[in-house]
Every structure is written in C-alpha cells, then in structure tokens.
Amino acid sequence: MSTDKIDGVAVTTKANVYFDGKCVSHGITFPDGTKKSVGVILPATLTFNTGAPEIMECVAGACEYKLAGSDAWVQSAAGEKFSVPGNAAFEIRVAQGYEAYHYICHFG
C-alpha cells in the first residue's frame, strides 16, 4: 500500500526543480530530523546521482528504473519501492502518454 499522507512534518516551500521541470520535489523534515523528499517526475528519461542511499517509494503512476551496472529496466508502480545505493547513478523513465511518477524519496 502506498503512502497517501504524511503528518507532523516541516515542508520546504521552495521546490527543487530538475531537468527543465521534468522533476519537481519538496523537502520534508520529520520531528526527529529525518529528511525525505516528495515529488513528481513527468514523462522523460532522466539520470540521477545519489550521495546517500535512497529508497524510492511510488505513490501514484509508474516508472521504470535501471541501476548503475545493470542493463535491465525494472518497473515500479504505486505501492512499490526500490533501493539505490549511495554514491551511485540510476536512470528513471516515465513513458510518454502515461501518468506522472509520484514518489517519496527516503534518504538512508
């Protein structure tokens, strides 16, 4: 089941806009200092680089992702998660004509 709502957090009101607006996210901070981001990726194929490990949780739509060192694209749909190691790159794509990929990025 996907996360529909997050209570009790502080939200950074200025958006992080990447790839000419194809990815837009907002940072959230929990009372214990844990940070995550929530955002959306529009139809595109994008390459991201991580600092810390990340878990990408799909809350609506779907994407395909390919981790560094892999040739396989793997689908992730609402209610599913995938992990990305720290200091790595990964590709993510949302097909034209499909709903945007809505996500929560959990930083490890």
Foldseek 3Di string as FASTA:
>chain_A
DADDDDPAWDKDPDWDAPDPNQKIWIWIAHPVGFIKIKIWGHADKDKDFFAAKKKKAWQAWKKWKDWPPGPDTDIDHHPGIDIHHHGGMMMIGDHPPTDITIIMIGGD
